[in-house]
Protein backbone atom coordinates (compact mmCIF):
# COMPACT_ATOMS: atom_id res chain seq x y z
CA MET A 1 60.09 29.27 -9.18
CA ALA A 2 56.99 27.88 -7.36
CA GLU A 3 54.95 30.55 -9.24
CA ALA A 4 56.05 29.41 -12.50
CA GLU A 5 55.53 25.70 -11.78
CA ARG A 6 51.99 26.47 -10.72
CA ARG A 7 51.28 28.36 -13.86
CA LYS A 8 52.65 25.40 -15.81
CA ALA A 9 50.29 23.00 -13.92
CA GLU A 10 47.37 25.27 -14.45
CA ARG A 11 48.08 25.40 -18.22
CA ARG A 12 48.29 21.59 -18.38
CA LYS A 13 45.00 21.38 -16.49
CA ALA A 14 43.58 23.81 -18.91
CA GLU A 15 44.58 21.86 -21.97
CA ARG A 16 43.03 18.62 -20.52
CA ARG A 17 39.73 20.25 -20.16
CA VAL A 18 39.66 21.81 -23.55
CA SER A 19 37.79 19.61 -26.09
CA PRO A 20 40.36 18.17 -28.60
CA LYS A 21 37.86 18.20 -31.45
CA ILE A 22 37.79 22.04 -31.32
CA GLN A 23 40.77 23.46 -33.29
CA ALA A 24 40.56 26.91 -34.25
CA SER A 25 43.61 29.36 -34.98
CA ARG A 26 43.87 33.05 -34.24
CA GLN A 27 43.22 33.68 -37.86
CA ASP A 28 40.11 31.41 -37.93
CA ILE A 29 38.74 33.44 -35.17
CA LEU A 30 39.43 36.86 -36.87
CA ASP A 31 37.97 35.62 -40.09
CA ALA A 32 34.90 34.27 -38.44
CA ALA A 33 34.42 37.61 -36.41
CA ARG A 34 34.70 39.64 -39.54
CA THR A 35 31.26 38.06 -40.82
CA PHE A 36 29.83 37.05 -37.60
CA GLN A 37 26.14 38.23 -36.93
CA TRP A 38 24.61 37.80 -33.38
CA LYS A 39 21.13 39.01 -32.99
CA GLY A 40 19.73 39.48 -29.38
CA LYS A 41 21.11 39.96 -26.20
CA LEU A 42 24.93 39.01 -25.61
CA PRO A 43 25.49 36.11 -23.25
CA GLU A 44 27.53 36.55 -20.11
CA TRP A 45 30.74 35.28 -21.67
CA THR A 46 32.07 37.34 -24.56
CA THR A 47 35.19 38.22 -26.45
CA VAL A 48 36.43 41.34 -28.13
CA VAL A 49 37.55 41.06 -31.69
CA GLY A 50 38.42 43.88 -33.85
CA GLY A 51 36.66 46.38 -31.42
CA ARG A 52 33.30 44.22 -31.44
CA GLU A 53 32.08 42.47 -28.44
CA LEU A 54 30.95 38.93 -29.61
CA PRO A 55 29.63 35.79 -27.81
CA ALA A 56 32.64 33.55 -27.01
CA ARG A 57 31.37 30.10 -27.47
CA PRO A 58 29.28 30.61 -30.66
CA LEU A 59 32.35 32.53 -32.23
CA VAL A 60 34.61 29.62 -31.35
CA LEU A 61 32.27 27.02 -32.79
CA GLU A 62 31.92 29.06 -35.95
CA ALA A 63 35.68 29.43 -36.34
CA ALA A 64 36.32 25.87 -35.89
CA ARG A 65 33.36 24.97 -38.25
CA VAL A 66 31.53 22.71 -35.96
CA SER A 67 27.87 22.47 -35.12
CA ASP A 68 26.29 24.55 -32.36
CA HIS A 69 25.38 21.33 -30.79
CA ASN A 70 29.02 20.51 -30.08
CA PRO A 71 29.66 19.72 -26.44
CA THR A 72 32.19 22.48 -26.03
CA LYS A 73 31.38 24.56 -22.96
CA THR A 74 31.54 28.31 -22.55
CA GLY A 75 34.59 27.93 -20.28
CA GLU A 76 36.39 25.96 -22.84
CA ALA A 77 35.78 28.58 -25.48
CA ALA A 78 36.94 31.06 -23.14
CA VAL A 79 40.31 29.23 -22.65
CA ILE A 80 40.63 28.95 -26.31
CA LEU A 81 40.23 32.44 -27.02
CA THR A 82 42.51 33.61 -24.25
CA ASP A 83 45.13 31.15 -25.32
CA LEU A 84 44.91 32.75 -28.89
CA GLY A 85 45.46 36.21 -27.21
CA PHE A 86 41.91 37.48 -27.22
CA GLU A 87 40.37 39.42 -24.42
CA VAL A 88 37.54 37.43 -22.59
CA ARG A 89 34.80 39.09 -20.52
CA TYR A 90 32.32 37.80 -18.03
CA LYS A 91 29.35 40.14 -17.73
CA GLY A 92 31.45 42.98 -19.27
CA THR A 93 34.51 42.61 -16.97
CA THR A 94 37.80 41.25 -18.38
CA VAL A 95 38.67 37.95 -17.15
CA LEU A 96 42.46 36.85 -16.71
CA ARG A 97 43.48 33.60 -17.84
CA GLU A 98 44.10 32.13 -14.47
CA ASP A 99 40.63 33.11 -13.39
CA LEU A 100 38.74 31.25 -16.06
CA PRO A 101 36.39 28.36 -14.90
CA ASP A 102 37.48 24.79 -14.79
């Protein structure tokens, strides 16, 4: 029981740290990924969508249709992607939901 309560508290904490202005559904992410173009080296935080590894924060911002000057942090984008069921990676290694940054 204590484990379930701990995870619930962690989810609430994560919900508080995610910018309320960013709203993207799983379908929004899939649609954005379909046409997403990234030139240059991938950043440390990425996600895998449709077999493609893409930068986490820029993809979330595009899916939410907000400016790349939005204050959403990469960790927040990683939480959003994980909550929507996408694999998130840090330097190529899959990161579990409970291991995401605050």
